């Protein structure tokens, strides 16, 4: 067979919308050049310009706010229609909300299916997660924690692979000086489990040791007003800078200036989910910065305690304050963990991660009745 194998990617999350899943899916499809790729995703501001520049075949579905969950129904319907004309050899569903389309394509059109799992969505929609795991030929979990979340639904996937997200290697990682002892958090202000509230409660304790400390918060969302009020109530508003959403260049500038990245994510109450991996820890490590993370969830895969950062009880402001103070006051410790993190991050670069995902897709291709295994791209 002389043509390239066809890969259909279905995802609600894709740039120019911002977020970890968006970055993951975009980097993967950009690297998978052995496949003829077709992406079906939701519309977002600036999408036309982004798609033109990307060179990828992207079909957008209008993300009408009034539809809410109905947007995913429409996304699945359009993806199925796209599959009828595209005839994919492999379908990659990047989120469980697109698993119905992937299952329908498998059932009616044949081909193989691969399903991505992250974490938060499994606890939020356990029945749909179980369905997605049952229907896929192979499931990809971004961490051991995510793998355990899948199995907690009561389903044993046919095949499950652990493949973390990747990290970008920026061209300039040279450190810059900051006017004050600074630590940084990068996360959308949408999920309480990220630990911004615990950091605020830790700040009075931290200021007793580092009076001029500065906490820089990058990211925006509905939790911001409440966090600003909490900082005022604890008397630490003057030590906090809420920057909102910033450009990649500004984010990288702060990563060069900060002493450490701190995000003590915890397991949220109500359902079994939380941080699936925490790629932001490795993004800080790339810049030679140590991290402080919670000792639960996906952070156990992304942070090596005592090697690339410090793992602490994410519900304990005293433990969080002590860990930050250690990194701000102990230059030798911060430098050692920063070097260890930078070295460790080399194993998570996007080309390496993409190769692992590509290997899974090629395995599915070899298992497909449509392809002679000898014709699978080498």
Protein backbone atom coordinates (compact mmCIF):
# COMPACT_ATOMS: atom_id res chain seq x y z
CA UNK A 1 0.00 0.00 0.00
CA UNK A 2 1.66 3.20 -1.13
CA UNK A 3 -0.53 5.79 0.60
CA UNK A 4 0.13 7.07 4.06
CA UNK A 5 -2.06 5.56 6.79
CA UNK A 6 -4.88 7.86 7.80
CA UNK A 7 -5.09 9.14 11.37
CA UNK A 8 -8.24 10.89 12.59
CA UNK A 9 -7.75 12.94 15.78
CA UNK A 10 -10.87 13.99 17.68
CA UNK A 11 -10.42 16.47 20.50
CA UNK A 12 -12.36 19.23 22.26
CA UNK A 13 -9.01 20.79 23.23
CA UNK A 14 -6.77 22.32 20.58
CA UNK A 15 -4.89 25.59 20.10
CA UNK A 16 -5.19 28.49 19.95
CA UNK A 17 -7.19 27.70 23.09
CA UNK A 18 -4.73 27.47 25.99
CA UNK A 19 -4.12 24.51 28.27
CA UNK A 20 -2.06 21.40 28.80
CA UNK A 21 -4.23 19.06 26.73
CA UNK A 22 -4.25 21.59 23.90
CA UNK A 23 -0.46 21.66 23.85
CA UNK A 24 -0.23 17.88 24.08
CA UNK A 25 -2.56 17.20 21.15
CA UNK A 26 -1.04 19.88 18.94
CA UNK A 27 2.54 18.75 19.53
CA UNK A 28 1.65 15.13 18.85
CA UNK A 29 -0.20 15.71 15.59
CA UNK A 30 2.54 18.07 14.42
CA UNK A 31 5.15 15.34 14.90
CA UNK A 32 3.20 12.39 13.43
CA UNK A 33 4.28 13.00 9.85
CA UNK A 34 4.15 9.34 8.82
CA UNK A 35 0.35 9.63 8.93
CA UNK A 36 -2.10 11.57 6.83
CA UNK A 37 -3.76 13.51 9.64
CA UNK A 38 -7.23 14.98 9.99
CA UNK A 39 -8.21 16.83 13.18
CA UNK A 40 -11.77 17.54 14.29
CA UNK A 41 -12.04 19.99 17.17
CA UNK A 42 -14.01 22.93 18.57
CA UNK A 43 -13.90 26.48 17.29
CA UNK A 44 -12.02 29.05 19.36
CA UNK A 45 -11.02 32.71 18.88
CA UNK A 46 -8.17 33.04 16.42
CA UNK A 47 -8.59 29.50 15.11
CA UNK A 48 -8.66 30.39 11.41
CA UNK A 49 -5.32 32.16 11.58
CA UNK A 50 -3.81 29.41 13.71
CA UNK A 51 -4.96 26.64 11.38
CA UNK A 52 -3.66 28.45 8.31
CA UNK A 53 -0.23 28.81 9.89
CA UNK A 54 -0.11 25.23 11.21
CA UNK A 55 -0.43 23.52 7.83
CA UNK A 56 -2.64 20.86 9.45
CA UNK A 57 -6.01 19.69 8.14
CA UNK A 58 -8.34 20.93 10.87
CA UNK A 59 -12.13 20.88 10.82
CA UNK A 60 -13.71 23.14 13.42
CA UNK A 61 -17.09 22.74 15.14
CA UNK A 62 -18.81 25.88 16.42
CA UNK A 63 -18.51 25.97 20.21
CA UNK A 64 -21.84 27.63 20.97
CA UNK A 65 -21.80 28.48 24.67
CA UNK A 66 -25.53 27.97 25.07
CA UNK A 67 -25.17 24.31 24.09
CA UNK A 68 -22.78 23.52 26.98
CA UNK A 69 -22.55 19.71 26.97
CA UNK A 70 -24.33 19.71 23.65
CA UNK A 71 -21.15 21.04 22.08
CA UNK A 72 -19.59 17.63 22.65
CA UNK A 73 -22.57 15.91 21.02
CA UNK A 74 -22.11 18.13 17.98
CA UNK A 75 -18.35 17.50 18.00
CA UNK A 76 -18.94 13.73 18.01
CA UNK A 77 -21.50 13.98 15.20
CA UNK A 78 -19.19 16.04 12.98
CA UNK A 79 -16.26 13.73 13.74
CA UNK A 80 -18.31 10.72 12.67
CA UNK A 81 -19.29 12.42 9.41
CA UNK A 82 -15.66 13.33 8.83
CA UNK A 83 -14.67 9.70 9.34
CA UNK A 84 -17.16 8.56 6.73
CA UNK A 85 -15.32 10.54 4.06
CA UNK A 86 -11.78 10.33 5.50
CA UNK A 87 -11.94 6.56 6.29
CA UNK A 88 -9.30 6.56 9.06
CA UNK A 89 -7.08 3.56 9.65
CA UNK A 90 -6.55 4.69 13.25
CA UNK A 91 -8.70 7.05 15.33
CA UNK A 92 -7.13 8.89 18.27
CA UNK A 93 -9.66 10.20 20.77
CA UNK A 94 -7.84 12.79 22.89
CA UNK A 95 -10.53 13.09 25.59
CA UNK A 96 -13.25 10.80 26.89
CA UNK A 97 -15.96 13.18 25.64
CA UNK A 98 -15.03 12.19 22.08
CA UNK A 99 -15.07 8.45 22.81
CA UNK A 100 -18.64 7.98 21.49
CA UNK A 101 -17.53 9.04 18.02
CA UNK A 102 -14.43 6.85 18.21
CA UNK A 103 -16.56 3.86 19.26
CA UNK A 104 -19.06 4.48 16.45
CA UNK A 105 -16.26 4.74 13.90
CA UNK A 106 -14.74 1.49 15.12
CA UNK A 107 -18.10 -0.29 15.01
CA UNK A 108 -19.31 0.88 11.61
CA UNK A 109 -16.18 1.78 9.63
CA UNK A 110 -13.54 -0.49 11.12
CA UNK A 111 -10.05 0.68 11.87
CA UNK A 112 -8.34 0.85 15.24
CA UNK A 113 -8.96 3.24 18.13
CA UNK A 114 -6.63 4.75 20.73
CA UNK A 115 -8.01 6.66 23.71
CA UNK A 116 -6.17 9.28 25.80
CA UNK A 117 -6.83 9.66 29.52
CA UNK A 118 -5.66 12.59 31.65
CA UNK A 119 -7.23 12.54 35.17
CA UNK A 120 -9.80 15.18 36.02
CA UNK A 121 -12.29 13.93 33.46
CA UNK A 122 -12.27 10.39 34.87
CA UNK A 123 -13.55 11.46 38.27
CA UNK A 124 -16.00 13.90 36.72
CA UNK A 125 -17.50 11.36 34.28
CA UNK A 126 -16.65 7.85 35.56
CA UNK A 127 -19.28 6.06 33.46
CA UNK A 128 -18.10 7.73 30.27
CA UNK A 129 -14.48 6.99 31.23
CA UNK A 130 -15.36 3.33 31.69
CA UNK A 131 -17.09 3.31 28.30
CA UNK A 132 -14.07 4.93 26.65
CA UNK A 133 -11.70 2.37 28.17
CA UNK A 134 -13.88 -0.55 27.09
CA UNK A 135 -14.21 0.64 23.51
CA UNK A 136 -10.57 1.45 22.72
CA UNK A 137 -8.06 -1.04 21.38
CA UNK A 138 -5.39 0.81 23.37
CA UNK A 139 -5.59 3.40 26.14
CA UNK A 140 -2.85 5.93 26.86
CA UNK A 141 -2.61 7.19 30.45
CA UNK A 142 -0.44 10.21 31.18
CA UNK A 143 0.72 8.81 34.53
CA UNK A 144 0.53 5.81 36.81
CA UNK A 145 -2.01 7.73 38.85
CA UNK A 146 -4.21 8.17 35.77
CA UNK A 147 -3.89 4.46 35.02
CA UNK A 148 -5.17 3.69 38.51
CA UNK A 149 -8.05 6.12 38.03
CA UNK A 150 -9.11 4.21 34.91
CA UNK A 151 -9.02 0.90 36.72
CA UNK A 152 -10.98 2.41 39.63
CA UNK A 153 -13.96 2.68 37.26
CA UNK A 154 -14.11 -1.11 37.33
CA UNK A 155 -12.91 -1.58 33.76
CA UNK A 156 -9.78 -3.36 32.66
CA UNK A 157 -8.72 -1.83 29.35
CA UNK A 158 -7.69 -4.18 26.55
CA UNK A 159 -4.26 -2.54 26.58
CA UNK A 160 -2.94 0.43 28.52
CA UNK A 161 0.28 2.40 28.01
CA UNK A 162 1.82 5.01 30.28
CA UNK A 163 3.10 7.93 28.23
CA UNK A 164 3.61 11.28 29.94
CA UNK A 165 3.09 14.63 28.26
CA UNK A 166 6.18 16.24 26.79
CA UNK A 167 8.09 19.41 27.50
CA UNK A 168 9.42 22.10 25.19
CA UNK A 169 13.12 22.96 25.28
CA UNK A 170 13.28 26.77 25.02
CA UNK A 171 16.15 28.47 23.26
CA UNK A 172 17.05 30.67 26.23
CA UNK A 173 17.15 29.25 29.76
CA UNK A 174 19.72 31.68 31.14
CA UNK A 175 18.68 32.81 34.63
CA UNK A 176 17.71 36.40 35.27
CA UNK A 177 17.86 38.23 38.59
CA UNK A 178 14.73 39.23 40.51
CA UNK A 179 14.44 42.27 42.75
CA UNK A 180 12.92 40.19 45.56
CA UNK A 181 13.03 36.52 46.59
CA UNK A 182 10.44 35.17 44.19
CA UNK A 183 8.53 31.97 43.65
CA UNK A 184 6.02 31.29 40.91
CA UNK A 185 2.79 29.40 40.25
CA UNK A 186 1.50 28.77 36.72
CA UNK A 187 -2.04 27.38 36.48
CA UNK A 188 -5.47 28.45 35.36
CA UNK A 189 -7.49 29.69 38.32
CA UNK A 190 -10.30 27.20 37.77
CA UNK A 191 -9.52 24.23 40.01
CA UNK A 192 -9.25 24.61 43.78
CA UNK A 193 -7.08 21.52 44.04
CA UNK A 194 -4.15 23.39 42.47
CA UNK A 195 -3.37 24.74 45.94
CA UNK A 196 -3.37 28.53 45.55
CA UNK A 197 -5.41 28.81 48.75
CA UNK A 198 -2.88 26.76 50.72
CA UNK A 199 -0.04 28.97 49.46
CA UNK A 200 -1.90 32.05 50.69
CA UNK A 201 -2.28 30.46 54.12
CA UNK A 202 1.42 29.56 54.03
CA UNK A 203 2.56 33.09 53.19
CA UNK A 204 2.37 34.58 56.72
CA UNK A 205 4.58 31.73 57.96
CA UNK A 206 6.91 32.16 55.02
CA UNK A 207 7.21 35.92 55.55
CA UNK A 208 8.40 35.32 59.09
CA UNK A 209 11.48 33.69 57.51
CA UNK A 210 11.70 35.64 54.24
CA UNK A 211 10.14 39.08 54.91
CA UNK A 212 10.45 40.41 51.35
CA UNK A 213 9.21 37.28 49.59
CA UNK A 214 7.15 37.70 46.41
CA UNK A 215 4.66 35.20 44.97
CA UNK A 216 3.90 35.63 41.26
CA UNK A 217 0.71 33.98 40.00
CA UNK A 218 0.32 33.38 36.26
CA UNK A 219 -3.08 32.26 35.06
CA UNK A 220 -6.63 33.52 35.21
CA UNK A 221 -10.07 32.16 35.93
CA UNK A 222 -13.15 32.38 38.13
CA UNK A 223 -11.25 31.69 41.36
CA UNK A 224 -9.17 34.84 41.08
CA UNK A 225 -11.49 37.26 42.96
CA UNK A 226 -11.83 34.86 45.88
CA UNK A 227 -8.07 34.29 46.04
CA UNK A 228 -7.42 38.03 45.99
CA UNK A 229 -9.87 38.46 48.88
CA UNK A 230 -8.22 35.60 50.76
CA UNK A 231 -4.81 37.25 50.35
CA UNK A 232 -6.27 40.49 51.73
CA UNK A 233 -7.81 38.66 54.68
CA UNK A 234 -4.46 37.05 55.57
CA UNK A 235 -2.61 40.34 55.24
CA UNK A 236 -0.34 39.16 52.43
CA UNK A 237 -1.81 40.96 49.40
CA UNK A 238 1.34 43.08 49.12
CA UNK A 239 3.40 39.90 48.64
CA UNK A 240 1.27 38.55 45.78
CA UNK A 241 1.22 39.54 42.10
CA UNK A 242 -1.71 38.17 40.11
CA UNK A 243 -0.61 38.61 36.48
CA UNK A 244 -3.51 36.83 34.78
CA UNK A 245 -2.90 35.19 31.41
CA UNK A 246 0.41 36.18 29.86
CA UNK A 247 2.30 35.46 26.65
CA UNK A 248 4.70 32.54 26.42
CA UNK A 249 7.59 34.98 26.33
CA UNK A 250 6.52 36.67 29.57
CA UNK A 251 5.94 33.31 31.25
CA UNK A 252 9.43 32.20 30.24
CA UNK A 253 10.89 35.45 31.51
CA UNK A 254 9.38 34.78 34.92
CA UNK A 255 10.66 31.21 34.85
CA UNK A 256 14.15 32.59 34.34
CA UNK A 257 13.71 35.04 37.25
CA UNK A 258 12.01 32.85 39.83
CA UNK A 259 13.81 30.77 42.45
CA UNK A 260 11.23 27.97 42.34
CA UNK A 261 7.89 26.92 40.93
CA UNK A 262 5.30 26.02 43.56
CA UNK A 263 2.01 24.22 42.91
CA UNK A 264 0.92 22.00 45.82
CA UNK A 265 -1.91 20.21 44.04
CA UNK A 266 -4.03 18.00 46.27
CA UNK A 267 -6.67 15.35 45.69
CA UNK A 268 -9.99 17.15 45.49
CA UNK A 269 -12.89 16.14 47.66
CA UNK A 270 -15.98 14.65 46.12
CA UNK A 271 -14.35 12.47 43.51
CA UNK A 272 -11.12 10.67 42.86
CA UNK A 273 -9.20 12.91 40.48
CA UNK A 274 -6.82 15.86 40.48
CA UNK A 275 -3.44 16.48 38.85
CA UNK A 276 -2.98 13.90 36.10
CA UNK A 277 0.70 14.65 35.61
CA UNK A 278 1.63 18.30 36.05
CA UNK A 279 3.76 19.19 33.03
CA UNK A 280 4.36 22.64 34.51
CA UNK A 281 6.79 21.06 36.98
CA UNK A 282 8.96 19.85 34.11
CA UNK A 283 8.58 23.17 32.31
CA UNK A 284 10.16 24.80 35.35
CA UNK A 285 12.83 22.10 35.55
CA UNK A 286 13.85 22.84 31.95
CA UNK A 287 14.86 26.31 33.17
CA UNK A 288 16.90 24.76 35.97
CA UNK A 289 14.29 25.64 38.61
CA UNK A 290 13.34 23.34 41.48
CA UNK A 291 9.68 22.77 42.28
CA UNK A 292 7.42 22.25 45.27
CA UNK A 293 4.53 19.87 44.61
CA UNK A 294 1.97 17.82 46.50
CA UNK A 295 2.95 14.27 47.37
CA UNK A 296 -0.16 12.83 45.69
CA UNK A 297 -1.58 12.20 42.22
CA UNK A 298 0.32 12.67 39.00
CA UNK A 299 3.02 14.79 40.64
CA UNK A 300 4.53 11.53 41.88
CA UNK A 301 5.38 10.78 38.24
CA UNK A 302 6.53 14.26 37.22
CA UNK A 303 8.59 15.24 40.30
CA UNK A 304 11.45 13.22 41.76
CA UNK A 305 11.52 14.11 45.46
CA UNK A 306 14.95 15.33 46.49
CA UNK A 307 16.18 15.20 42.90
CA UNK A 308 14.11 17.72 40.92
CA UNK A 309 12.02 19.22 43.69
CA UNK A 310 10.33 18.73 47.04
CA UNK A 311 7.11 16.76 47.58
CA UNK A 312 5.06 17.86 50.59
CA UNK A 313 1.65 17.37 52.17
CA UNK A 314 -0.37 19.71 49.91
CA UNK A 315 -3.03 20.32 52.57
CA UNK A 316 -0.54 21.58 55.19
CA UNK A 317 0.39 25.29 54.95
CA UNK A 318 3.26 24.75 57.40
CA UNK A 319 4.83 22.06 55.20
CA UNK A 320 4.35 24.20 52.09
CA UNK A 321 5.87 27.26 53.78
CA UNK A 322 8.86 25.26 55.05
CA UNK A 323 9.57 23.81 51.60
CA UNK A 324 9.44 27.21 49.90
CA UNK A 325 11.64 28.75 52.60
CA UNK A 326 14.23 26.00 52.15
CA UNK A 327 14.52 26.77 48.46
CA UNK A 328 14.61 30.52 48.95
CA UNK A 329 17.21 30.45 51.74
CA UNK A 330 19.42 27.51 50.77
CA UNK A 331 21.23 28.41 47.55
CA UNK A 332 23.05 25.10 47.37
CA UNK A 333 19.86 23.04 47.71
CA UNK A 334 18.00 25.11 45.11
CA UNK A 335 20.89 24.85 42.66
CA UNK A 336 21.26 21.09 43.15
CA UNK A 337 17.56 20.41 42.64
CA UNK A 338 17.51 22.77 39.67
CA UNK A 339 20.36 20.90 37.99
CA UNK A 340 18.71 17.57 38.73
CA UNK A 341 15.43 18.79 37.30
CA UNK A 342 17.05 20.11 34.13
CA UNK A 343 18.78 16.78 33.57
CA UNK A 344 15.63 14.78 34.27
CA UNK A 345 13.54 16.89 31.91
CA UNK A 346 15.65 15.75 28.96
CA UNK A 347 13.82 12.41 29.03
CA UNK A 348 10.48 14.17 28.50
CA UNK A 349 11.13 16.23 25.37
CA UNK A 350 8.35 16.28 22.80
CA UNK A 351 10.24 14.40 20.07
CA UNK A 352 10.82 11.51 22.49
CA UNK A 353 7.22 11.49 23.71
CA UNK A 354 5.87 11.72 20.15
CA UNK A 355 7.98 8.72 19.15
CA UNK A 356 6.37 6.66 21.90
CA UNK A 357 2.86 7.66 20.85
CA UNK A 358 3.71 7.01 17.20
CA UNK A 359 4.93 3.53 18.14
CA UNK A 360 1.54 2.79 19.72
CA UNK A 361 -0.30 4.00 16.61
CA UNK A 362 1.91 1.92 14.33
CA UNK A 363 1.26 -1.15 16.48
CA UNK A 364 -2.45 -0.60 15.97
CA UNK A 365 -1.88 -0.24 12.26
CA UNK A 366 -0.04 -3.57 12.14
CA UNK A 367 -2.98 -5.17 13.95
CA UNK A 368 -5.48 -3.77 11.46
CA UNK A 369 -6.93 -6.06 8.84
CA UNK A 370 -6.65 -3.16 6.37
CA UNK A 371 -2.88 -3.16 6.37
CA UNK A 372 -0.25 -5.70 5.50
CA UNK A 373 2.24 -5.43 8.38
CA UNK A 374 5.06 -5.19 5.84
CA UNK A 375 3.48 -1.99 4.48
CA UNK A 376 3.46 -0.18 7.83
CA UNK A 377 5.82 2.83 7.74
CA UNK A 378 9.19 2.03 9.27
